[in-house]
Amino acid sequence: MMKLEKIIFWHSHNLPSILQTEIAECGLACLASISSYHGYQVDLSSLRKKFRIPLTGTNLNDIAYYAKELKLSYRAVKLDINEINQLKLPCILHWELNHFVVLKKYQKIK
């Protein structure tokens, strides 16, 4: 029981920063971070072994497939910046359709 309490506490407060080490693995780094946040013991190295990433990187379909394989729920949505408050955080953004990043929080600027 003690182990479960630690996971729940950790899950509710910490989003690990997992940085990509190769140019084409931003999507994997994001998935590792989100997976860890949700209590899965996943690191970038194990994801590299499980999913072979092409030199050109991953696309949104690849990320959806990897998420499904990791038993993560996912959905792709297209939002205007003014609709960002509709997202459940943390989440993965496909930034300008060429880079994946994790959105942890946001703040409106007045």
N, C-alpha and C. Protein backbone atom coordinates (compact mmCIF):
# COMPACT_ATOMS: atom_id res chain seq x y z
N MET A 1 0.82 -1.20 0.00
CA MET A 1 0.00 0.00 0.00
C MET A 1 0.87 1.26 0.00
N MET A 2 1.96 1.23 0.69
CA MET A 2 2.85 2.39 0.76
C MET A 2 3.34 2.78 -0.64
N LYS A 3 3.66 1.80 -1.46
CA LYS A 3 4.15 2.08 -2.80
C LYS A 3 3.10 2.83 -3.62
N LEU A 4 1.86 2.41 -3.54
CA LEU A 4 0.79 3.05 -4.28
C LEU A 4 0.62 4.51 -3.85
N GLU A 5 0.69 4.78 -2.57
CA GLU A 5 0.57 6.15 -2.09
C GLU A 5 1.68 7.03 -2.66
N LYS A 6 2.88 6.49 -2.74
CA LYS A 6 3.99 7.26 -3.30
C LYS A 6 3.75 7.57 -4.78
N ILE A 7 3.24 6.61 -5.51
CA ILE A 7 2.98 6.83 -6.93
C ILE A 7 1.91 7.89 -7.10
N ILE A 8 0.86 7.81 -6.33
CA ILE A 8 -0.22 8.79 -6.46
C ILE A 8 0.29 10.19 -6.11
N PHE A 9 1.06 10.32 -5.07
CA PHE A 9 1.61 11.62 -4.69
C PHE A 9 2.52 12.14 -5.79
N TRP A 10 3.38 11.26 -6.28
CA TRP A 10 4.32 11.65 -7.32
C TRP A 10 3.57 12.05 -8.58
N HIS A 11 2.57 11.28 -8.93
CA HIS A 11 1.79 11.54 -10.13
C HIS A 11 1.11 12.91 -10.07
N SER A 12 0.65 13.27 -8.94
CA SER A 12 -0.16 14.48 -8.86
C SER A 12 0.67 15.77 -8.79
N HIS A 13 1.96 15.66 -8.64
CA HIS A 13 2.74 16.88 -8.44
C HIS A 13 3.96 17.05 -9.35
N ASN A 14 4.44 15.99 -9.96
CA ASN A 14 5.71 16.09 -10.66
C ASN A 14 5.61 15.70 -12.13
N LEU A 15 6.11 16.56 -12.95
CA LEU A 15 6.27 16.25 -14.36
C LEU A 15 7.76 16.26 -14.63
N PRO A 16 8.34 15.10 -14.88
CA PRO A 16 9.79 15.08 -15.09
C PRO A 16 10.19 15.74 -16.40
N SER A 17 11.30 16.41 -16.38
CA SER A 17 11.87 16.98 -17.61
C SER A 17 12.75 15.92 -18.24
N ILE A 18 12.35 15.43 -19.37
CA ILE A 18 13.14 14.45 -20.11
C ILE A 18 13.52 15.10 -21.42
N LEU A 19 14.79 15.36 -21.57
CA LEU A 19 15.28 16.10 -22.73
C LEU A 19 15.73 15.14 -23.83
N GLN A 20 15.43 15.49 -25.05
CA GLN A 20 15.88 14.69 -26.17
C GLN A 20 17.39 14.83 -26.31
N THR A 21 18.03 13.75 -26.74
CA THR A 21 19.47 13.81 -26.97
C THR A 21 19.80 13.72 -28.46
N GLU A 22 18.82 13.32 -29.23
CA GLU A 22 18.96 13.26 -30.69
C GLU A 22 17.95 14.20 -31.32
N ILE A 23 18.26 14.72 -32.47
CA ILE A 23 17.40 15.72 -33.10
C ILE A 23 16.00 15.19 -33.42
N ALA A 24 15.88 13.89 -33.70
CA ALA A 24 14.60 13.35 -34.16
C ALA A 24 13.75 12.72 -33.06
N GLU A 25 14.14 12.86 -31.79
CA GLU A 25 13.41 12.14 -30.74
C GLU A 25 12.60 13.03 -29.80
N CYS A 26 12.20 14.19 -30.25
CA CYS A 26 11.40 15.07 -29.39
C CYS A 26 10.08 14.40 -28.99
N GLY A 27 9.45 13.69 -29.92
CA GLY A 27 8.20 13.00 -29.61
C GLY A 27 8.38 11.93 -28.56
N LEU A 28 9.45 11.16 -28.66
CA LEU A 28 9.72 10.12 -27.66
C LEU A 28 10.00 10.73 -26.30
N ALA A 29 10.75 11.81 -26.26
CA ALA A 29 11.04 12.48 -24.99
C ALA A 29 9.74 12.97 -24.34
N CYS A 30 8.84 13.50 -25.13
CA CYS A 30 7.55 13.96 -24.61
C CYS A 30 6.74 12.78 -24.07
N LEU A 31 6.71 11.68 -24.80
CA LEU A 31 5.99 10.50 -24.33
C LEU A 31 6.58 9.94 -23.05
N ALA A 32 7.90 9.94 -22.95
CA ALA A 32 8.55 9.47 -21.72
C ALA A 32 8.16 10.34 -20.54
N SER A 33 8.14 11.63 -20.74
CA SER A 33 7.77 12.56 -19.67
C SER A 33 6.31 12.37 -19.24
N ILE A 34 5.40 12.31 -20.19
CA ILE A 34 3.98 12.14 -19.90
C ILE A 34 3.73 10.78 -19.25
N SER A 35 4.37 9.74 -19.77
CA SER A 35 4.22 8.39 -19.19
C SER A 35 4.68 8.37 -17.74
N SER A 36 5.82 8.97 -17.48
CA SER A 36 6.34 9.03 -16.11
C SER A 36 5.40 9.80 -15.20
N TYR A 37 4.84 10.88 -15.69
CA TYR A 37 3.89 11.67 -14.92
C TYR A 37 2.70 10.82 -14.48
N HIS A 38 2.28 9.92 -15.36
CA HIS A 38 1.12 9.08 -15.06
C HIS A 38 1.49 7.80 -14.32
N GLY A 39 2.72 7.72 -13.83
CA GLY A 39 3.10 6.60 -12.97
C GLY A 39 3.77 5.43 -13.65
N TYR A 40 3.99 5.50 -14.95
CA TYR A 40 4.69 4.43 -15.64
C TYR A 40 6.19 4.62 -15.49
N GLN A 41 6.90 3.54 -15.28
CA GLN A 41 8.35 3.60 -15.18
C GLN A 41 8.93 3.46 -16.59
N VAL A 42 9.02 4.57 -17.28
CA VAL A 42 9.48 4.59 -18.67
C VAL A 42 10.58 5.63 -18.79
N ASP A 43 11.63 5.28 -19.50
CA ASP A 43 12.66 6.28 -19.76
C ASP A 43 12.92 6.35 -21.27
N LEU A 44 13.64 7.35 -21.66
CA LEU A 44 13.88 7.58 -23.08
C LEU A 44 14.63 6.42 -23.72
N SER A 45 15.58 5.87 -23.01
CA SER A 45 16.36 4.76 -23.54
C SER A 45 15.49 3.55 -23.86
N SER A 46 14.57 3.21 -22.97
CA SER A 46 13.69 2.06 -23.23
C SER A 46 12.74 2.34 -24.39
N LEU A 47 12.29 3.58 -24.53
CA LEU A 47 11.42 3.91 -25.66
C LEU A 47 12.18 3.85 -26.98
N ARG A 48 13.45 4.25 -26.96
CA ARG A 48 14.28 4.16 -28.17
C ARG A 48 14.37 2.72 -28.65
N LYS A 49 14.52 1.79 -27.69
CA LYS A 49 14.63 0.37 -28.04
C LYS A 49 13.30 -0.18 -28.54
N LYS A 50 12.21 0.26 -27.94
CA LYS A 50 10.88 -0.25 -28.30
C LYS A 50 10.40 0.30 -29.65
N PHE A 51 10.67 1.57 -29.91
CA PHE A 51 10.19 2.22 -31.12
C PHE A 51 11.37 2.76 -31.91
N ARG A 52 11.58 2.25 -33.08
CA ARG A 52 12.67 2.74 -33.94
C ARG A 52 12.22 4.02 -34.62
N ILE A 53 12.94 5.08 -34.36
CA ILE A 53 12.58 6.40 -34.90
C ILE A 53 13.39 6.66 -36.17
N PRO A 54 12.73 7.02 -37.26
CA PRO A 54 13.48 7.36 -38.47
C PRO A 54 14.27 8.65 -38.28
N LEU A 55 15.27 8.84 -39.09
CA LEU A 55 16.10 10.04 -39.00
C LEU A 55 15.29 11.31 -39.22
N THR A 56 14.19 11.19 -39.92
CA THR A 56 13.34 12.35 -40.17
C THR A 56 12.43 12.67 -38.99
N GLY A 57 12.43 11.84 -37.96
CA GLY A 57 11.63 12.09 -36.78
C GLY A 57 10.26 11.45 -36.85
N THR A 58 9.41 11.81 -35.91
CA THR A 58 8.08 11.23 -35.82
C THR A 58 7.03 12.23 -36.27
N ASN A 59 5.88 11.70 -36.61
CA ASN A 59 4.75 12.56 -36.95
C ASN A 59 3.62 12.29 -35.95
N LEU A 60 2.52 12.97 -36.12
CA LEU A 60 1.41 12.83 -35.19
C LEU A 60 0.84 11.41 -35.17
N ASN A 61 0.79 10.76 -36.32
CA ASN A 61 0.32 9.37 -36.37
C ASN A 61 1.25 8.44 -35.58
N ASP A 62 2.56 8.67 -35.68
CA ASP A 62 3.52 7.88 -34.92
C ASP A 62 3.29 8.05 -33.42
N ILE A 63 3.13 9.30 -32.99
CA ILE A 63 2.92 9.58 -31.56
C ILE A 63 1.65 8.88 -31.08
N ALA A 64 0.59 8.93 -31.87
CA ALA A 64 -0.66 8.25 -31.50
C ALA A 64 -0.44 6.75 -31.37
N TYR A 65 0.29 6.16 -32.30
CA TYR A 65 0.58 4.72 -32.24
C TYR A 65 1.41 4.38 -31.00
N TYR A 66 2.46 5.17 -30.74
CA TYR A 66 3.30 4.91 -29.57
C TYR A 66 2.49 5.05 -28.28
N ALA A 67 1.65 6.06 -28.21
CA ALA A 67 0.81 6.26 -27.01
C ALA A 67 -0.10 5.05 -26.80
N LYS A 68 -0.69 4.57 -27.88
CA LYS A 68 -1.56 3.39 -27.79
C LYS A 68 -0.77 2.18 -27.30
N GLU A 69 0.41 1.98 -27.82
CA GLU A 69 1.27 0.87 -27.39
C GLU A 69 1.65 0.97 -25.92
N LEU A 70 1.76 2.20 -25.42
CA LEU A 70 2.10 2.43 -24.01
C LEU A 70 0.87 2.45 -23.11
N LYS A 71 -0.29 2.19 -23.69
CA LYS A 71 -1.57 2.17 -22.95
C LYS A 71 -1.95 3.55 -22.42
N LEU A 72 -1.57 4.58 -23.14
CA LEU A 72 -1.95 5.95 -22.80
C LEU A 72 -3.15 6.35 -23.65
N SER A 73 -4.08 7.06 -23.06
CA SER A 73 -5.17 7.57 -23.88
C SER A 73 -4.67 8.81 -24.61
N TYR A 74 -5.22 9.05 -25.76
CA TYR A 74 -4.76 10.18 -26.56
C TYR A 74 -5.89 10.65 -27.46
N ARG A 75 -5.78 11.87 -27.89
CA ARG A 75 -6.66 12.41 -28.92
C ARG A 75 -5.95 13.60 -29.53
N ALA A 76 -6.12 13.76 -30.80
CA ALA A 76 -5.52 14.89 -31.50
C ALA A 76 -6.60 15.96 -31.68
N VAL A 77 -6.25 17.17 -31.33
CA VAL A 77 -7.18 18.29 -31.50
C VAL A 77 -6.42 19.46 -32.11
N LYS A 78 -7.15 20.26 -32.85
CA LYS A 78 -6.56 21.48 -33.40
C LYS A 78 -7.22 22.65 -32.69
N LEU A 79 -6.40 23.47 -32.06
CA LEU A 79 -6.91 24.58 -31.26
C LEU A 79 -6.28 25.90 -31.67
N ASP A 80 -7.01 26.94 -31.47
CA ASP A 80 -6.48 28.29 -31.54
C ASP A 80 -5.83 28.57 -30.18
N ILE A 81 -4.87 29.43 -30.13
CA ILE A 81 -4.19 29.74 -28.86
C ILE A 81 -5.18 30.21 -27.79
N ASN A 82 -6.27 30.83 -28.18
CA ASN A 82 -7.27 31.30 -27.22
C ASN A 82 -8.08 30.15 -26.61
N GLU A 83 -7.95 28.96 -27.16
CA GLU A 83 -8.69 27.79 -26.66
C GLU A 83 -7.82 26.87 -25.81
N ILE A 84 -6.63 27.30 -25.51
CA ILE A 84 -5.68 26.45 -24.80
C ILE A 84 -6.18 26.02 -23.42
N ASN A 85 -7.07 26.81 -22.84
CA ASN A 85 -7.62 26.47 -21.53
C ASN A 85 -8.50 25.22 -21.57
N GLN A 86 -8.82 24.72 -22.74
CA GLN A 86 -9.62 23.52 -22.89
C GLN A 86 -8.80 22.24 -22.78
N LEU A 87 -7.48 22.37 -22.77
CA LEU A 87 -6.61 21.20 -22.70
C LEU A 87 -6.45 20.71 -21.28
N LYS A 88 -6.37 19.40 -21.13
CA LYS A 88 -6.05 18.80 -19.84
C LYS A 88 -4.52 18.70 -19.77
N LEU A 89 -3.94 19.30 -18.76
CA LEU A 89 -2.48 19.37 -18.66
C LEU A 89 -1.94 18.35 -17.67
N PRO A 90 -0.73 17.89 -17.89
CA PRO A 90 0.18 18.18 -19.00
C PRO A 90 -0.27 17.45 -20.26
N CYS A 91 0.14 17.99 -21.38
CA CYS A 91 -0.19 17.37 -22.67
C CYS A 91 0.95 17.63 -23.65
N ILE A 92 0.90 16.92 -24.75
CA ILE A 92 1.90 17.07 -25.80
C ILE A 92 1.33 17.97 -26.89
N LEU A 93 2.10 18.97 -27.27
CA LEU A 93 1.72 19.85 -28.38
C LEU A 93 2.60 19.54 -29.59
N HIS A 94 2.01 19.62 -30.75
CA HIS A 94 2.78 19.50 -31.99
C HIS A 94 3.02 20.93 -32.46
N TRP A 95 4.11 21.50 -32.01
CA TRP A 95 4.41 22.91 -32.17
C TRP A 95 4.76 23.23 -33.62
N GLU A 96 3.96 24.07 -34.24
CA GLU A 96 4.14 24.47 -35.64
C GLU A 96 4.30 23.28 -36.58
N LEU A 97 3.73 22.16 -36.18
CA LEU A 97 3.72 20.91 -36.94
C LEU A 97 5.11 20.37 -37.27
N ASN A 98 6.13 20.78 -36.50
CA ASN A 98 7.47 20.23 -36.76
C ASN A 98 8.26 19.92 -35.50
N HIS A 99 7.64 20.07 -34.32
CA HIS A 99 8.35 19.78 -33.08
C HIS A 99 7.32 19.44 -32.00
N PHE A 100 7.63 18.41 -31.20
CA PHE A 100 6.74 18.04 -30.10
C PHE A 100 7.30 18.60 -28.80
N VAL A 101 6.41 19.18 -28.00
CA VAL A 101 6.78 19.73 -26.69
C VAL A 101 5.69 19.36 -25.69
N VAL A 102 6.05 19.35 -24.41
CA VAL A 102 5.07 19.10 -23.36
C VAL A 102 4.63 20.44 -22.78
N LEU A 103 3.34 20.63 -22.73
CA LEU A 103 2.78 21.83 -22.10
C LEU A 103 2.40 21.47 -20.67
N LYS A 104 3.07 22.11 -19.75
CA LYS A 104 2.86 21.86 -18.32
C LYS A 104 1.83 22.83 -17.73
N LYS A 105 1.97 24.10 -18.09
CA LYS A 105 1.03 25.12 -17.63
C LYS A 105 1.11 26.30 -18.59
N TYR A 106 0.18 27.19 -18.44
CA TYR A 106 0.18 28.40 -19.26
C TYR A 106 -0.34 29.54 -18.41
N GLN A 107 -0.06 30.73 -18.85
CA GLN A 107 -0.51 31.93 -18.13
C GLN A 107 -0.91 32.97 -19.16
N LYS A 108 -2.08 33.53 -18.98
CA LYS A 108 -2.51 34.60 -19.88
C LYS A 108 -1.75 35.87 -19.56
N ILE A 109 -1.32 36.57 -20.59
CA ILE A 109 -0.63 37.84 -20.41
C ILE A 109 -1.60 38.95 -20.75
N LYS A 110 -1.72 39.89 -19.85
CA LYS A 110 -2.67 41.00 -20.05
C LYS A 110 -1.99 42.19 -20.68
